[in-house]
């Protein structure tokens, strides 16, 4: 991390937000979780939404953000599977300079890194952001992966040691625990201990194959959120979830049963739709409205030129996932869907921009734009246990917002047109944020390759 310190200091100085005094937002319209309506005037004070409508007279020198008629104010997006890591050379590693800035510039004001390869580094980044030494979104740390996805994971770890690990990361200030391909015996301990600390547990689970646990059984143990696959009897333990998924049909009794289980136990589902499309044919939803490669160093761009990851079955899975998400929504699961990008960049796309692709993917699945926006805002806040502080434009909530040109209820792609970002009442210029981290991500020359 030492070699990044001078760069982080320069970036912090160059893109400092407007001071967080009172901020009045007038004009334009705003999204109230149901519709887009005229903005009656919003007053932000001490980092929170102080008043909506019937505002007190403006004070001398008070900041005012005047929105145009075609501009819409939205709650900040919440990415519940926000990877800061990438694979540009041989290893998968966290990136602490450009990624946090690009999340924020895209209106993703809150991120949950769902499992970290460098959990200490990620906590240090969050602490720098909290101290205003670095610009970035709110970071709700998860610590390391719990399960075989973590390098060096001990499949024979006993319960006492596992509880001690949860205690350690709770003391370090993590918000939740991420399990990946974990066994049933370990998940039971993780859920019990995490809940004792008030932490949520989310999981990339499997079918029960090779000492994993099916989401059906994880729900019985009290897991709070499930990622990627709904699971159930359609995913038998004789083969992996990926091997089973291509045979999933939404009109089967097994599919209806697992959806009913999610609804009964109020378990959130982070479908990470768009993550699978990157490996497929990339038709609708994967256009580039800006040059994302400009944020990589010239050497990294050369290193990754022409790189294209393709996994045939992931392209097929993407198409099936669109159908399963629509069926989940139609069954009454709209309030349990959250937004997660799950994108480990390899030098082409970047996950900050992928937040908008995930919203678009929900609409491609057949959800109305209002449901996609709720998944990316209030649902994510509630899934983190922060629904009283985040996720909507309401008095008393943290002032995490962003402004776009165009009504996203008419075309969800308007969320890409970010004009202003506000986090904790501090106002940022997204164009300046992006300019500050151009040519910053990745190795600068061959001598830095070993770091990547």
Protein backbone atom coordinates (compact mmCIF):
# COMPACT_ATOMS: atom_id res chain seq x y z
CA UNK A 1 0.00 0.00 0.00
CA UNK A 2 2.96 2.35 0.58
CA UNK A 3 3.54 3.10 -3.07
CA UNK A 4 -0.04 4.32 -3.44
CA UNK A 5 0.03 6.77 -0.53
CA UNK A 6 1.39 9.84 -2.40
CA UNK A 7 -1.06 9.31 -5.26
CA UNK A 8 -3.98 8.96 -2.87
CA UNK A 9 -3.02 12.23 -1.17
CA UNK A 10 -2.84 14.10 -4.48
CA UNK A 11 -6.18 12.65 -5.61
CA UNK A 12 -7.85 13.62 -2.35
CA UNK A 13 -6.69 17.22 -2.78
CA UNK A 14 -7.70 17.43 -6.44
CA UNK A 15 -11.27 16.16 -6.02
CA UNK A 16 -12.24 17.36 -2.57
CA UNK A 17 -16.01 17.85 -2.36
CA UNK A 18 -17.74 21.13 -1.72
CA UNK A 19 -17.78 21.66 2.06
CA UNK A 20 -20.64 19.92 3.83
CA UNK A 21 -22.54 23.01 5.01
CA UNK A 22 -26.28 23.21 4.42
CA UNK A 23 -27.21 22.30 0.87
CA UNK A 24 -30.53 23.19 -0.71
CA UNK A 25 -31.65 21.22 -3.79
CA UNK A 26 -34.33 22.92 -5.83
CA UNK A 27 -35.95 22.36 -9.20
CA UNK A 28 -36.05 19.22 -11.26
CA UNK A 29 -37.70 16.05 -10.01
CA UNK A 30 -36.90 13.19 -7.64
CA UNK A 31 -37.59 9.49 -7.29
CA UNK A 32 -39.72 8.63 -4.24
CA UNK A 33 -39.46 4.81 -4.72
CA UNK A 34 -42.81 4.77 -6.53
CA UNK A 35 -42.67 7.49 -9.16
CA UNK A 36 -40.68 10.50 -10.34
CA UNK A 37 -42.35 13.70 -9.16
CA UNK A 38 -41.65 17.39 -8.88
CA UNK A 39 -39.03 18.30 -6.34
CA UNK A 40 -40.65 20.43 -3.57
CA UNK A 41 -37.21 21.46 -2.32
CA UNK A 42 -34.79 19.45 -0.20
CA UNK A 43 -32.58 20.76 2.59
CA UNK A 44 -29.50 18.80 3.65
CA UNK A 45 -27.90 19.58 6.99
CA UNK A 46 -25.06 17.84 8.83
CA UNK A 47 -24.93 15.09 6.21
CA UNK A 48 -28.61 14.15 6.51
CA UNK A 49 -31.82 15.07 4.74
CA UNK A 50 -33.19 17.74 7.07
CA UNK A 51 -36.39 18.75 5.31
CA UNK A 52 -38.42 18.07 2.17
CA UNK A 53 -40.79 20.86 1.13
CA UNK A 54 -41.85 23.87 3.21
CA UNK A 55 -38.22 24.82 3.59
CA UNK A 56 -37.10 27.54 5.97
CA UNK A 57 -35.77 30.71 4.32
CA UNK A 58 -32.33 30.34 2.86
CA UNK A 59 -29.40 31.56 4.92
CA UNK A 60 -26.79 33.94 3.55
CA UNK A 61 -24.17 31.96 1.68
CA UNK A 62 -26.14 28.73 1.78
CA UNK A 63 -25.26 26.36 -1.03
CA UNK A 64 -27.97 25.72 -3.59
CA UNK A 65 -28.03 23.05 -6.28
CA UNK A 66 -30.52 24.04 -8.97
CA UNK A 67 -31.70 21.13 -11.09
CA UNK A 68 -32.88 21.50 -14.66
CA UNK A 69 -36.36 20.34 -15.63
CA UNK A 70 -34.94 17.16 -17.20
CA UNK A 71 -32.79 16.25 -14.19
CA UNK A 72 -33.87 13.66 -11.63
CA UNK A 73 -32.58 13.18 -8.09
CA UNK A 74 -32.18 9.55 -6.98
CA UNK A 75 -31.07 7.79 -3.79
CA UNK A 76 -27.47 6.64 -4.08
CA UNK A 77 -27.02 3.15 -5.50
CA UNK A 78 -26.00 0.31 -3.17
CA UNK A 79 -23.81 -2.40 -4.68
CA UNK A 80 -23.99 -5.50 -2.48
CA UNK A 81 -21.41 -7.45 -4.48
CA UNK A 82 -18.87 -4.74 -5.16
CA UNK A 83 -15.49 -6.15 -6.09
CA UNK A 84 -12.53 -3.82 -5.77
CA UNK A 85 -10.25 -6.58 -6.98
CA UNK A 86 -9.21 -7.35 -10.53
CA UNK A 87 -7.02 -9.70 -12.53
CA UNK A 88 -4.75 -7.83 -14.89
CA UNK A 89 -1.74 -10.13 -14.86
CA UNK A 90 -1.42 -13.37 -12.88
CA UNK A 91 -3.07 -12.72 -9.54
CA UNK A 92 -6.37 -11.35 -8.33
CA UNK A 93 -5.71 -8.33 -6.16
CA UNK A 94 -7.51 -5.35 -4.66
CA UNK A 95 -7.18 -1.95 -6.30
CA UNK A 96 -7.41 1.00 -3.91
CA UNK A 97 -6.89 4.08 -6.12
CA UNK A 98 -9.27 4.21 -9.06
CA UNK A 99 -12.01 1.81 -8.08
CA UNK A 100 -13.46 3.73 -5.11
CA UNK A 101 -13.53 6.94 -7.12
CA UNK A 102 -15.28 5.30 -10.07
CA UNK A 103 -17.94 3.71 -7.87
CA UNK A 104 -18.75 7.10 -6.39
CA UNK A 105 -18.65 8.89 -9.76
CA UNK A 106 -21.31 6.47 -11.02
CA UNK A 107 -23.69 7.22 -8.14
CA UNK A 108 -22.83 4.06 -6.16
CA UNK A 109 -22.56 5.80 -2.80
CA UNK A 110 -22.51 2.54 -0.78
CA UNK A 111 -20.65 -0.69 -1.46
CA UNK A 112 -20.40 -4.07 0.25
CA UNK A 113 -17.24 -5.86 -0.98
CA UNK A 114 -18.60 -9.39 -0.89
CA UNK A 115 -15.44 -11.16 0.20
CA UNK A 116 -11.97 -9.59 0.04
CA UNK A 117 -8.65 -10.97 -1.11
CA UNK A 118 -6.92 -8.34 1.03
CA UNK A 119 -9.36 -7.71 3.90
CA UNK A 120 -6.85 -5.67 5.91
CA UNK A 121 -6.21 -3.43 2.92
CA UNK A 122 -9.93 -3.02 2.32
CA UNK A 123 -10.52 -2.03 5.95
CA UNK A 124 -7.66 0.45 5.73
CA UNK A 125 -9.23 1.96 2.59
CA UNK A 126 -12.58 2.30 4.35
CA UNK A 127 -10.90 4.01 7.29
CA UNK A 128 -9.14 6.48 4.97
CA UNK A 129 -12.46 7.28 3.30
CA UNK A 130 -14.15 7.71 6.67
CA UNK A 131 -11.38 10.10 7.74
CA UNK A 132 -11.79 12.06 4.47
CA UNK A 133 -8.22 11.22 3.49
CA UNK A 134 -9.45 9.48 0.35
CA UNK A 135 -12.50 9.93 -1.83
CA UNK A 136 -14.87 7.02 -2.25
CA UNK A 137 -18.28 5.58 -1.39
CA UNK A 138 -19.31 4.20 1.96
CA UNK A 139 -17.61 0.84 2.35
CA UNK A 140 -19.34 -1.82 4.43
CA UNK A 141 -16.51 -4.32 4.85
CA UNK A 142 -17.05 -8.08 4.78
CA UNK A 143 -13.59 -9.30 5.76
CA UNK A 144 -12.18 -12.40 4.01
CA UNK A 145 -14.17 -15.16 2.37
CA UNK A 146 -15.40 -17.84 4.72
CA UNK A 147 -15.13 -21.14 2.88
CA UNK A 148 -12.83 -22.83 0.34
CA UNK A 149 -12.79 -19.71 -1.84
CA UNK A 150 -10.33 -18.26 0.67
CA UNK A 151 -6.73 -19.29 -0.08
CA UNK A 152 -5.56 -21.52 2.74
CA UNK A 153 -9.03 -22.22 4.11
CA UNK A 154 -8.99 -25.13 6.54
CA UNK A 155 -11.85 -27.49 5.73
CA UNK A 156 -11.36 -29.09 9.13
CA UNK A 157 -11.49 -25.84 11.11
CA UNK A 158 -13.20 -26.46 14.44
CA UNK A 159 -16.10 -24.41 15.79
CA UNK A 160 -14.09 -22.56 18.43
CA UNK A 161 -11.56 -21.33 15.92
CA UNK A 162 -14.30 -20.30 13.51
CA UNK A 163 -16.08 -18.35 16.26
CA UNK A 164 -12.81 -16.65 17.13
CA UNK A 165 -12.39 -15.59 13.49
CA UNK A 166 -15.86 -14.05 13.41
CA UNK A 167 -15.12 -12.26 16.69
CA UNK A 168 -11.87 -10.89 15.23
CA UNK A 169 -13.46 -9.44 12.11
CA UNK A 170 -16.41 -8.07 14.06
CA UNK A 171 -13.91 -6.18 16.22
CA UNK A 172 -12.30 -4.85 13.02
CA UNK A 173 -15.62 -3.27 12.07
CA UNK A 174 -16.99 -5.47 9.31
CA UNK A 175 -20.68 -5.07 8.52
CA UNK A 176 -21.35 -8.58 7.29
CA UNK A 177 -19.81 -11.95 6.51
CA UNK A 178 -19.45 -13.47 3.05
CA UNK A 179 -19.37 -17.27 2.73
CA UNK A 180 -18.42 -19.01 -0.50
CA UNK A 181 -18.79 -22.74 -1.16
CA UNK A 182 -18.92 -23.29 2.59
CA UNK A 183 -20.01 -26.53 4.26
CA UNK A 184 -23.21 -26.86 6.24
CA UNK A 185 -21.37 -27.49 9.52
CA UNK A 186 -19.31 -24.33 9.13
CA UNK A 187 -22.22 -22.18 7.95
CA UNK A 188 -24.22 -23.05 11.05
CA UNK A 189 -21.43 -21.68 13.24
CA UNK A 190 -20.90 -18.59 11.05
CA UNK A 191 -24.58 -17.62 11.10
CA UNK A 192 -24.93 -18.07 14.84
CA UNK A 193 -21.78 -16.10 15.69
CA UNK A 194 -22.31 -13.36 13.10
CA UNK A 195 -25.86 -12.75 14.27
CA UNK A 196 -24.61 -12.50 17.84
CA UNK A 197 -22.50 -9.55 16.67
CA UNK A 198 -25.38 -8.05 14.69
CA UNK A 199 -23.75 -8.92 11.36
CA UNK A 200 -25.58 -10.17 8.30
CA UNK A 201 -24.44 -13.26 6.40
CA UNK A 202 -24.54 -13.59 2.64
CA UNK A 203 -23.40 -16.49 0.54
CA UNK A 204 -22.26 -17.78 -2.80
CA UNK A 205 -23.52 -21.30 -2.13
CA UNK A 206 -23.77 -24.42 -4.25
CA UNK A 207 -25.96 -27.50 -4.48
CA UNK A 208 -24.60 -29.60 -1.61
CA UNK A 209 -22.06 -31.09 -4.01
CA UNK A 210 -18.51 -31.65 -2.72
CA UNK A 211 -19.23 -30.69 0.91
CA UNK A 212 -21.13 -27.49 0.12
CA UNK A 213 -24.59 -26.41 1.20
CA UNK A 214 -27.70 -25.80 -0.88
CA UNK A 215 -29.42 -22.41 -0.41
CA UNK A 216 -32.52 -24.33 0.69
CA UNK A 217 -30.64 -25.68 3.70
CA UNK A 218 -28.79 -22.41 4.30
CA UNK A 219 -32.13 -20.64 4.67
CA UNK A 220 -33.08 -23.14 7.37
CA UNK A 221 -29.88 -22.18 9.20
CA UNK A 222 -30.81 -18.49 9.09
CA UNK A 223 -28.71 -17.02 6.28
CA UNK A 224 -29.77 -13.46 5.44
CA UNK A 225 -28.91 -13.20 1.76
CA UNK A 226 -28.13 -15.58 -1.10
CA UNK A 227 -26.17 -14.74 -4.24
CA UNK A 228 -26.33 -16.01 -7.81
CA UNK A 229 -28.53 -19.13 -7.51
CA UNK A 230 -31.81 -19.78 -5.73
CA UNK A 231 -30.97 -23.47 -5.23
CA UNK A 232 -33.55 -25.99 -4.09
CA UNK A 233 -34.34 -29.50 -5.29
CA UNK A 234 -33.60 -28.58 -8.90
CA UNK A 235 -29.94 -28.53 -7.85
CA UNK A 236 -29.25 -32.03 -6.49
CA UNK A 237 -26.08 -32.67 -4.49
CA UNK A 238 -24.77 -35.15 -7.06
CA UNK A 239 -23.55 -32.32 -9.28
CA UNK A 240 -22.53 -28.69 -8.93
CA UNK A 241 -24.93 -25.76 -9.10
CA UNK A 242 -23.39 -24.60 -12.38
CA UNK A 243 -23.92 -28.02 -13.92
CA UNK A 244 -27.55 -28.05 -12.83
CA UNK A 245 -28.50 -24.49 -13.63
CA UNK A 246 -28.77 -24.86 -17.38
CA UNK A 247 -31.66 -27.28 -16.83
CA UNK A 248 -33.66 -24.96 -14.55
CA UNK A 249 -37.24 -24.25 -15.64
CA UNK A 250 -39.41 -21.66 -13.90
CA UNK A 251 -42.64 -23.66 -14.21
CA UNK A 252 -41.39 -26.62 -12.18
CA UNK A 253 -42.61 -27.51 -8.70
CA UNK A 254 -39.03 -27.36 -7.39
CA UNK A 255 -38.58 -23.81 -8.63
CA UNK A 256 -41.86 -22.64 -7.12
CA UNK A 257 -40.92 -24.31 -3.83
CA UNK A 258 -37.56 -22.57 -3.47
CA UNK A 259 -39.05 -19.19 -4.33
CA UNK A 260 -41.74 -19.73 -1.71
CA UNK A 261 -39.01 -20.52 0.83
CA UNK A 262 -37.22 -17.23 0.12
CA UNK A 263 -40.47 -15.33 0.53
CA UNK A 264 -41.46 -17.13 3.72
CA UNK A 265 -38.14 -16.45 5.44
CA UNK A 266 -37.63 -13.00 3.88
CA UNK A 267 -34.21 -13.91 2.47
CA UNK A 268 -32.73 -11.43 0.01
CA UNK A 269 -31.54 -12.59 -3.40
CA UNK A 270 -28.63 -10.89 -5.15
CA UNK A 271 -28.94 -12.26 -8.67
CA UNK A 272 -25.77 -10.60 -10.08
CA UNK A 273 -27.36 -10.89 -13.52
CA UNK A 274 -24.94 -8.84 -15.58
CA UNK A 275 -21.84 -10.63 -14.25
CA UNK A 276 -22.65 -13.68 -16.36
CA UNK A 277 -23.34 -11.71 -19.52
CA UNK A 278 -19.75 -10.51 -19.69
CA UNK A 279 -18.75 -14.05 -20.65
CA UNK A 280 -21.49 -14.54 -23.24
CA UNK A 281 -22.44 -12.91 -26.52
CA UNK A 282 -22.74 -9.41 -25.01
CA UNK A 283 -25.66 -8.22 -27.02
CA UNK A 284 -28.01 -5.73 -25.37
CA UNK A 285 -26.79 -4.22 -22.12
CA UNK A 286 -23.05 -4.32 -22.72
CA UNK A 287 -22.57 -1.23 -24.85
CA UNK A 288 -20.03 1.32 -23.64
CA UNK A 289 -21.25 4.87 -23.10
CA UNK A 290 -17.72 5.93 -22.11
CA UNK A 291 -14.20 4.60 -22.62
CA UNK A 292 -13.63 2.58 -19.45
CA UNK A 293 -10.14 1.57 -20.55
CA UNK A 294 -8.91 5.14 -20.16
CA UNK A 295 -8.73 4.58 -16.41
CA UNK A 296 -6.05 1.92 -16.80
CA UNK A 297 -2.40 2.88 -17.12
CA UNK A 298 -1.06 2.91 -20.69
CA UNK A 299 1.03 -0.15 -19.81
CA UNK A 300 -2.03 -1.99 -18.40
CA UNK A 301 -3.98 -1.18 -21.55
CA UNK A 302 -1.18 -2.66 -23.63
CA UNK A 303 -0.97 -5.70 -21.34
CA UNK A 304 -4.70 -6.45 -21.65
CA UNK A 305 -5.25 -5.40 -25.27
CA UNK A 306 -7.68 -7.70 -27.03
CA UNK A 307 -8.35 -9.71 -23.90
CA UNK A 308 -11.80 -11.29 -23.97
CA UNK A 309 -12.95 -13.82 -21.41
CA UNK A 310 -15.56 -16.23 -22.69
CA UNK A 311 -17.19 -19.11 -20.86
CA UNK A 312 -19.85 -20.65 -23.05
CA UNK A 313 -22.08 -21.92 -20.28
CA UNK A 314 -22.06 -18.52 -18.56
CA UNK A 315 -23.65 -16.99 -21.64
CA UNK A 316 -26.36 -19.64 -21.47
CA UNK A 317 -26.75 -19.15 -17.73
CA UNK A 318 -27.25 -15.41 -18.26
CA UNK A 319 -30.27 -16.05 -20.47
CA UNK A 320 -31.76 -18.51 -17.97
CA UNK A 321 -31.12 -16.12 -15.07
CA UNK A 322 -33.14 -13.43 -16.81
CA UNK A 323 -36.11 -15.79 -16.76
CA UNK A 324 -35.64 -16.93 -13.18
CA UNK A 325 -35.38 -13.37 -11.87
CA UNK A 326 -38.60 -12.40 -13.67
CA UNK A 327 -40.35 -15.44 -12.21
CA UNK A 328 -39.02 -14.57 -8.73
CA UNK A 329 -40.37 -11.04 -9.13
CA UNK A 330 -43.74 -12.22 -10.45
CA UNK A 331 -44.07 -14.55 -7.45
CA UNK A 332 -43.85 -11.56 -5.09
CA UNK A 333 -40.11 -11.33 -4.57
CA UNK A 334 -39.60 -7.79 -5.83
CA UNK A 335 -38.74 -6.40 -2.38
CA UNK A 336 -36.11 -9.12 -1.88
CA UNK A 337 -34.07 -8.43 -5.02
CA UNK A 338 -30.86 -6.44 -4.56
CA UNK A 339 -28.17 -5.06 -6.86
CA UNK A 340 -24.76 -6.68 -7.08
CA UNK A 341 -22.24 -6.32 -9.89
CA UNK A 342 -19.82 -9.15 -8.96
CA UNK A 343 -17.41 -7.99 -11.65
CA UNK A 344 -13.73 -8.84 -11.36
CA UNK A 345 -12.27 -6.61 -14.05
CA UNK A 346 -9.69 -8.07 -16.42
CA UNK A 347 -8.94 -4.79 -18.15
CA UNK A 348 -12.01 -4.20 -20.28
CA UNK A 349 -15.03 -3.21 -18.17
CA UNK A 350 -15.07 -1.69 -14.69
CA UNK A 351 -17.60 -2.49 -11.96
CA UNK A 352 -18.46 1.11 -11.09
CA UNK A 353 -20.08 1.37 -14.50
CA UNK A 354 -21.50 -2.12 -14.11
CA UNK A 355 -23.99 -0.83 -11.52
CA UNK A 356 -25.89 0.68 -14.44
CA UNK A 357 -25.58 -2.51 -16.48
CA UNK A 358 -27.10 -4.45 -13.59
CA UNK A 359 -30.08 -2.08 -13.46
CA UNK A 360 -30.44 -2.49 -17.22
CA UNK A 361 -30.27 -6.30 -16.90
CA UNK A 362 -33.18 -6.27 -14.45
CA UNK A 363 -35.24 -4.38 -17.00
CA UNK A 364 -34.09 -6.76 -19.74
CA UNK A 365 -35.44 -9.56 -17.54
CA UNK A 366 -38.87 -7.95 -17.70
CA UNK A 367 -38.97 -6.00 -14.45
CA UNK A 368 -40.35 -2.46 -14.57
CA UNK A 369 -37.68 0.23 -14.09
CA UNK A 370 -39.17 1.19 -10.72
CA UNK A 371 -38.48 -2.34 -9.44
CA UNK A 372 -34.90 -2.22 -10.73
CA UNK A 373 -34.31 1.09 -8.97
CA UNK A 374 -35.78 -0.22 -5.74
CA UNK A 375 -33.44 -3.23 -5.97
CA UNK A 376 -30.50 -0.85 -6.27
CA UNK A 377 -31.58 1.45 -3.44
CA UNK A 378 -34.04 0.68 -0.65
CA UNK A 379 -33.84 -3.12 -0.97
CA UNK A 380 -30.07 -3.02 -0.61
CA UNK A 381 -30.31 -0.73 2.40
CA UNK A 382 -32.78 -3.05 4.12
CA UNK A 383 -30.68 -6.09 3.27
CA UNK A 384 -27.78 -4.49 5.14
CA UNK A 385 -30.06 -3.63 8.07
CA UNK A 386 -29.74 0.06 7.22
CA UNK A 387 -33.19 0.80 5.81
CA UNK A 388 -33.72 3.53 8.40
CA UNK A 389 -30.59 5.38 7.23
CA UNK A 390 -30.14 4.68 3.51
CA UNK A 391 -31.97 3.80 0.32
CA UNK A 392 -34.58 6.53 -0.11
CA UNK A 393 -35.01 10.29 -0.08
CA UNK A 394 -36.64 10.77 3.31
CA UNK A 395 -36.18 13.18 6.20
CA UNK A 396 -33.59 11.94 8.68
CA UNK A 397 -31.75 9.64 6.28
CA UNK A 398 -28.15 10.05 5.24
CA UNK A 399 -27.86 12.42 2.30
CA UNK A 400 -26.47 9.94 -0.24
CA UNK A 401 -27.90 10.92 -3.62
CA UNK A 402 -27.11 11.37 -7.28
CA UNK A 403 -28.60 13.39 -10.11
CA UNK A 404 -29.12 12.11 -13.65
CA UNK A 405 -30.28 13.66 -16.89
CA UNK A 406 -33.50 12.00 -18.06
CA UNK A 407 -36.20 9.99 -16.34
CA UNK A 408 -34.96 6.44 -15.59
CA UNK A 409 -38.56 5.24 -15.22
CA UNK A 410 -38.94 5.92 -18.94
CA UNK A 411 -35.53 4.46 -19.88
CA UNK A 412 -33.39 2.85 -17.17
CA UNK A 413 -30.29 3.73 -19.16
CA UNK A 414 -30.71 7.33 -18.05
CA UNK A 415 -29.02 6.37 -14.77
CA UNK A 416 -25.78 6.41 -16.73
CA UNK A 417 -26.09 10.18 -17.25
CA UNK A 418 -24.72 11.19 -13.85
CA UNK A 419 -24.48 14.97 -13.37
CA UNK A 420 -23.99 15.33 -9.60
CA UNK A 421 -23.16 13.00 -6.74
CA UNK A 422 -23.84 13.74 -3.07
CA UNK A 423 -22.51 11.61 -0.24
CA UNK A 424 -23.17 12.54 3.39
CA UNK A 425 -24.21 15.97 2.14
CA UNK A 426 -20.93 16.55 0.30
CA UNK A 427 -21.30 17.42 -3.36
CA UNK A 428 -19.01 15.93 -6.02
CA UNK A 429 -18.55 16.56 -9.72
CA UNK A 430 -18.53 13.11 -11.38
CA UNK A 431 -16.61 14.39 -14.40
CA UNK A 432 -13.85 15.70 -12.13
CA UNK A 433 -13.83 12.44 -10.19
CA UNK A 434 -13.33 10.44 -13.36
CA UNK A 435 -10.68 12.75 -14.75
CA UNK A 436 -8.71 12.44 -11.51
CA UNK A 437 -8.17 8.69 -11.94
CA UNK A 438 -7.54 8.42 -15.66
CA UNK A 439 -4.40 6.34 -16.39
CA UNK A 440 -4.19 5.26 -12.75
CA UNK A 441 -5.26 1.59 -12.53
CA UNK A 442 -2.76 -1.21 -12.96
CA UNK A 443 1.01 -1.55 -13.35
CA UNK A 444 2.86 1.40 -14.80
CA UNK A 445 5.63 -0.70 -16.34
CA UNK A 446 7.15 -4.17 -16.31
CA UNK A 447 8.83 -3.56 -12.94
CA UNK A 448 5.39 -3.47 -11.27
CA UNK A 449 4.05 -6.64 -12.85
CA UNK A 450 4.86 -8.76 -9.82
CA UNK A 451 2.46 -6.60 -7.78
CA UNK A 452 -0.35 -7.68 -10.08
